N, C-alpha and C. Protein backbone atom coordinates (compact mmCIF):
# COMPACT_ATOMS: atom_id res chain seq x y z
N UNK A 1 -61.80 -24.65 -24.64
CA UNK A 1 -61.67 -24.72 -25.90
C UNK A 1 -60.28 -23.88 -26.68
N UNK A 2 -59.46 -24.67 -27.26
CA UNK A 2 -58.30 -24.11 -28.00
C UNK A 2 -58.86 -23.16 -29.06
N UNK A 3 -58.20 -21.94 -29.03
CA UNK A 3 -57.78 -20.86 -29.44
C UNK A 3 -57.09 -20.13 -30.35
N UNK A 4 -55.83 -21.33 -30.43
CA UNK A 4 -54.53 -21.20 -31.38
C UNK A 4 -54.73 -21.84 -32.11
N UNK A 5 -54.33 -21.41 -33.23
CA UNK A 5 -53.90 -22.53 -34.55
C UNK A 5 -52.33 -22.10 -35.09
N UNK A 6 -52.26 -23.35 -36.06
CA UNK A 6 -50.83 -23.13 -36.33
C UNK A 6 -51.18 -22.82 -38.07
N UNK A 7 -50.46 -21.98 -38.58
CA UNK A 7 -50.32 -21.58 -39.90
C UNK A 7 -49.05 -22.30 -40.44
N UNK A 8 -48.94 -22.92 -41.43
CA UNK A 8 -47.94 -23.40 -42.18
C UNK A 8 -47.91 -23.27 -43.38
N UNK A 9 -46.65 -23.34 -44.39
CA UNK A 9 -46.21 -22.70 -45.53
C UNK A 9 -46.27 -21.46 -45.88
N UNK A 10 -46.51 -20.77 -45.10
CA UNK A 10 -46.13 -19.10 -45.25
C UNK A 10 -45.04 -18.95 -46.21
N UNK A 11 -45.58 -17.83 -47.02
CA UNK A 11 -44.01 -17.09 -47.42
C UNK A 11 -42.69 -16.61 -46.88
N UNK A 12 -41.86 -17.29 -47.05
CA UNK A 12 -41.27 -15.88 -46.12
C UNK A 12 -40.62 -15.19 -45.93
N UNK A 13 -41.14 -14.61 -47.36
CA UNK A 13 -40.81 -12.88 -47.07
C UNK A 13 -42.22 -12.60 -46.42
N UNK A 14 -42.83 -13.24 -45.92
CA UNK A 14 -44.26 -12.14 -45.55
C UNK A 14 -44.23 -11.66 -43.87
N UNK A 15 -44.42 -10.50 -43.85
CA UNK A 15 -43.94 -10.27 -42.36
C UNK A 15 -45.57 -10.10 -41.71
N UNK A 16 -44.73 -10.05 -40.43
CA UNK A 16 -46.26 -10.22 -38.82
C UNK A 16 -47.99 -9.20 -39.30
N UNK A 17 -47.10 -8.10 -40.22
CA UNK A 17 -48.33 -7.17 -40.13
C UNK A 17 -49.51 -8.22 -41.55
N UNK A 18 -48.93 -8.40 -42.17
CA UNK A 18 -49.76 -9.60 -43.34
C UNK A 18 -49.72 -9.85 -43.01
N UNK A 19 -49.33 -11.68 -42.09
CA UNK A 19 -50.22 -12.57 -40.79
C UNK A 19 -51.17 -11.89 -40.62
N UNK A 20 -51.33 -10.70 -39.18
CA UNK A 20 -52.53 -10.09 -39.30
C UNK A 20 -53.46 -9.55 -39.34
N UNK A 21 -52.75 -8.60 -40.80
CA UNK A 21 -54.36 -7.89 -41.87
C UNK A 21 -54.72 -9.26 -42.15
N UNK A 22 -53.97 -10.25 -42.67
CA UNK A 22 -55.12 -11.73 -43.00
C UNK A 22 -56.27 -12.44 -42.05
N UNK A 23 -55.53 -12.40 -41.04
CA UNK A 23 -56.34 -13.54 -39.75
C UNK A 23 -57.07 -12.27 -39.19
N UNK A 24 -57.07 -11.41 -39.38
CA UNK A 24 -57.84 -10.38 -38.06
C UNK A 24 -59.02 -10.32 -39.16
N UNK A 25 -59.85 -10.76 -39.99
CA UNK A 25 -60.94 -11.17 -40.79
C UNK A 25 -62.11 -11.91 -40.47
N UNK A 26 -61.41 -12.80 -39.04
CA UNK A 26 -62.43 -14.08 -38.73
C UNK A 26 -62.61 -13.78 -37.07
N UNK A 27 -61.46 -12.72 -36.81
CA UNK A 27 -61.72 -12.32 -34.55
C UNK A 27 -60.59 -11.29 -34.19
N UNK A 28 -60.26 -11.68 -32.80
CA UNK A 28 -59.35 -10.34 -32.48
C UNK A 28 -58.36 -11.58 -32.41
N UNK A 29 -56.83 -11.00 -32.50
CA UNK A 29 -55.72 -11.54 -32.09
C UNK A 29 -55.18 -11.12 -31.20
N UNK A 30 -55.01 -12.26 -30.53
CA UNK A 30 -54.81 -11.71 -29.26
C UNK A 30 -53.04 -11.82 -29.38
N UNK A 31 -52.28 -12.99 -30.17
CA UNK A 31 -50.85 -13.46 -30.13
C UNK A 31 -50.56 -13.26 -31.45
N UNK A 32 -49.61 -13.18 -31.82
CA UNK A 32 -49.10 -13.75 -33.44
C UNK A 32 -47.15 -14.11 -33.13
N UNK A 33 -47.17 -15.32 -33.37
CA UNK A 33 -45.83 -15.52 -32.91
C UNK A 33 -45.49 -16.36 -34.52
N UNK A 34 -44.39 -15.18 -35.33
CA UNK A 34 -43.72 -16.63 -36.61
C UNK A 34 -42.87 -16.87 -35.82
N UNK A 35 -42.40 -18.43 -36.21
CA UNK A 35 -41.72 -19.31 -35.26
C UNK A 35 -39.81 -19.07 -37.00
N UNK A 36 -38.84 -18.38 -36.08
CA UNK A 36 -37.64 -18.40 -36.42
C UNK A 36 -36.58 -19.40 -35.72
N UNK A 37 -35.51 -19.67 -37.01
CA UNK A 37 -34.73 -20.67 -37.02
C UNK A 37 -34.04 -19.94 -35.35
N UNK A 38 -33.33 -20.84 -34.08
CA UNK A 38 -32.49 -20.21 -33.38
C UNK A 38 -30.95 -19.82 -33.64
N UNK A 39 -30.42 -20.45 -34.56
CA UNK A 39 -29.22 -20.11 -34.48
C UNK A 39 -29.05 -18.55 -35.68
N UNK A 40 -30.08 -18.76 -37.19
CA UNK A 40 -30.18 -18.35 -37.86
C UNK A 40 -30.50 -16.80 -37.64
N UNK A 41 -31.58 -17.32 -37.35
CA UNK A 41 -33.14 -16.22 -37.12
C UNK A 41 -34.13 -16.00 -38.50
N UNK A 42 -34.20 -16.37 -39.33
CA UNK A 42 -34.47 -16.78 -40.43
C UNK A 42 -35.65 -17.19 -40.22
N UNK A 43 -36.94 -16.97 -40.36
CA UNK A 43 -38.42 -17.43 -40.54
C UNK A 43 -38.50 -19.14 -41.37
N UNK A 44 -38.90 -19.78 -40.30
CA UNK A 44 -39.00 -20.55 -41.07
C UNK A 44 -40.40 -21.48 -41.63
N UNK A 45 -41.22 -20.11 -42.04
CA UNK A 45 -41.92 -20.69 -42.29
C UNK A 45 -43.92 -20.67 -42.27
N UNK A 46 -43.64 -20.92 -40.72
CA UNK A 46 -45.00 -21.45 -40.21
C UNK A 46 -45.23 -20.37 -38.78
N UNK A 47 -46.37 -19.60 -38.25
CA UNK A 47 -46.52 -19.14 -37.25
C UNK A 47 -47.78 -20.45 -36.60
N UNK A 48 -47.82 -19.26 -35.20
CA UNK A 48 -48.81 -19.82 -34.36
C UNK A 48 -49.97 -18.27 -34.32
N UNK A 49 -51.23 -18.70 -34.06
CA UNK A 49 -51.97 -17.53 -33.70
C UNK A 49 -52.88 -17.44 -32.97
N UNK A 50 -52.85 -16.22 -31.49
CA UNK A 50 -54.06 -17.43 -30.31
C UNK A 50 -55.38 -16.05 -30.78
N UNK A 51 -56.35 -16.54 -30.93
CA UNK A 51 -57.54 -15.39 -31.39
C UNK A 51 -58.17 -15.15 -29.68
N UNK A 52 -58.87 -14.29 -29.62
CA UNK A 52 -59.55 -14.65 -28.46
C UNK A 52 -60.76 -15.49 -27.77
N UNK A 53 -60.96 -16.09 -29.05
CA UNK A 53 -62.21 -16.91 -29.32
C UNK A 53 -62.21 -18.36 -30.09
N UNK A 54 -62.65 -19.18 -29.48
CA UNK A 54 -62.08 -20.61 -30.25
C UNK A 54 -62.84 -20.59 -31.13
N UNK A 55 -64.14 -19.67 -30.98
CA UNK A 55 -65.16 -19.52 -32.53
C UNK A 55 -64.29 -19.13 -33.46
N UNK A 56 -63.31 -17.86 -33.19
CA UNK A 56 -62.53 -17.43 -34.56
C UNK A 56 -61.75 -18.00 -35.00
N UNK A 57 -61.05 -19.05 -33.81
CA UNK A 57 -60.00 -19.53 -34.11
C UNK A 57 -60.11 -21.03 -35.52
N UNK A 58 -62.12 -21.16 -35.08
CA UNK A 58 -62.51 -22.75 -36.26
C UNK A 58 -62.74 -21.67 -37.23
N UNK A 59 -63.52 -20.53 -37.34
CA UNK A 59 -63.20 -19.49 -38.68
C UNK A 59 -62.86 -19.26 -39.67
N UNK A 60 -61.09 -18.73 -39.09
CA UNK A 60 -60.15 -18.89 -38.90
C UNK A 60 -59.60 -20.37 -40.18
N UNK A 61 -59.40 -21.18 -39.20
CA UNK A 61 -59.02 -22.55 -39.94
C UNK A 61 -60.35 -23.04 -41.11
N UNK A 62 -61.28 -22.66 -41.47
CA UNK A 62 -62.07 -22.77 -41.77
C UNK A 62 -62.34 -21.89 -43.21
N UNK A 63 -61.80 -20.97 -42.86
CA UNK A 63 -61.43 -19.69 -44.09
C UNK A 63 -60.34 -19.69 -45.12
N UNK A 64 -59.72 -20.39 -44.40
CA UNK A 64 -57.87 -20.22 -45.05
C UNK A 64 -56.90 -21.62 -45.20
N UNK A 65 -57.26 -22.66 -44.60
CA UNK A 65 -56.84 -23.85 -44.99
C UNK A 65 -56.73 -24.27 -46.36
N UNK A 66 -55.83 -24.20 -46.92
CA UNK A 66 -55.66 -23.83 -48.08
C UNK A 66 -55.75 -23.51 -49.11
N UNK A 67 -55.95 -22.09 -48.57
CA UNK A 67 -56.17 -21.11 -49.58
C UNK A 67 -54.57 -20.55 -49.64
N UNK A 68 -54.57 -19.93 -50.80
CA UNK A 68 -53.38 -19.29 -51.44
C UNK A 68 -52.96 -17.85 -50.92
N UNK A 69 -51.86 -17.89 -50.52
CA UNK A 69 -51.46 -16.60 -50.16
C UNK A 69 -50.13 -16.28 -50.54
N UNK A 70 -49.76 -15.51 -51.53
CA UNK A 70 -48.50 -15.16 -51.38
C UNK A 70 -47.86 -16.68 -52.60
N UNK A 71 -48.95 -16.69 -53.96
CA UNK A 71 -48.69 -18.21 -54.23
C UNK A 71 -48.13 -19.63 -53.80
N UNK A 72 -48.34 -19.50 -51.98
CA UNK A 72 -48.74 -20.74 -51.49
C UNK A 72 -49.68 -21.45 -50.91
N UNK A 73 -50.55 -22.36 -50.99
CA UNK A 73 -51.51 -22.60 -50.25
C UNK A 73 -50.99 -22.85 -48.63
N UNK A 74 -51.78 -22.71 -47.98
CA UNK A 74 -51.70 -22.33 -46.75
C UNK A 74 -52.13 -23.36 -46.27
N UNK A 75 -51.15 -24.11 -44.79
CA UNK A 75 -51.75 -24.93 -44.36
C UNK A 75 -52.24 -24.27 -42.88
N UNK A 76 -53.34 -24.94 -42.32
CA UNK A 76 -54.01 -24.32 -40.97
C UNK A 76 -55.46 -24.78 -39.99
N UNK A 77 -54.15 -25.03 -38.74
CA UNK A 77 -55.01 -26.05 -37.87
C UNK A 77 -55.18 -25.51 -36.60
N UNK A 78 -55.82 -26.04 -35.82
CA UNK A 78 -55.52 -26.40 -33.85
C UNK A 78 -53.92 -26.48 -33.84
N UNK A 79 -53.27 -25.41 -33.11
CA UNK A 79 -51.95 -25.65 -32.64
C UNK A 79 -52.44 -26.53 -31.69
N UNK A 80 -51.36 -28.10 -31.75
CA UNK A 80 -50.91 -28.51 -30.75
C UNK A 80 -50.34 -28.45 -29.41
N UNK A 81 -50.64 -28.44 -28.20
CA UNK A 81 -49.52 -28.82 -27.60
C UNK A 81 -48.64 -29.19 -27.19
N UNK A 82 -47.52 -28.73 -27.13
CA UNK A 82 -46.50 -29.69 -26.55
C UNK A 82 -46.29 -30.25 -25.55
N UNK A 83 -45.70 -31.24 -25.31
CA UNK A 83 -45.77 -31.79 -24.19
C UNK A 83 -44.91 -31.10 -22.94
N UNK A 84 -44.92 -31.22 -21.67
CA UNK A 84 -44.79 -30.45 -20.54
C UNK A 84 -42.77 -30.80 -21.06
N UNK A 85 -42.47 -31.96 -20.78
CA UNK A 85 -40.72 -32.39 -20.56
C UNK A 85 -40.72 -32.07 -22.10
N UNK A 86 -41.49 -31.65 -23.11
CA UNK A 86 -40.63 -31.25 -24.42
C UNK A 86 -38.88 -31.01 -24.25
N UNK A 87 -38.36 -31.63 -25.25
CA UNK A 87 -36.93 -30.79 -25.25
C UNK A 87 -36.75 -31.46 -26.47
N UNK A 88 -36.77 -30.55 -27.96
CA UNK A 88 -36.20 -30.64 -29.20
C UNK A 88 -35.02 -31.38 -30.17
N UNK A 89 -34.68 -31.35 -28.94
CA UNK A 89 -32.80 -31.96 -28.94
C UNK A 89 -33.49 -33.15 -28.88
N UNK A 90 -34.01 -33.97 -28.06
CA UNK A 90 -34.08 -35.14 -28.02
C UNK A 90 -35.09 -36.14 -29.40
N UNK A 91 -35.10 -35.02 -29.86
CA UNK A 91 -36.87 -35.46 -31.05
C UNK A 91 -35.67 -36.17 -32.35
C-alpha cells in the first residue's frame, strides 16, 4: 500500500519544518519533499510526504484534507506514481 501523500495549496512562505510539524501528528515522516521550480528555485506550493506506514498516510489525508493552514485550504490525497517513461516536457 501507498504511504506517500500529495499536499497541495500550501502557502508559498511555508517551511519544511512547519510542514513536518503539522503532519508528524499523524505518524513518523520518512521524507518530505517541497517541490520547487527548476529554473527559479521558487516553491511551487505543493509537497510530497512519505510516512512509515500506509495507515499514517491515510490518517493524514483524513485529518488534513480541506483544513486551513496559513489561510489556505489544503488538498491532501494519496500521491500518484509517475509513469516510468514520464517526461514533463512532452506533457
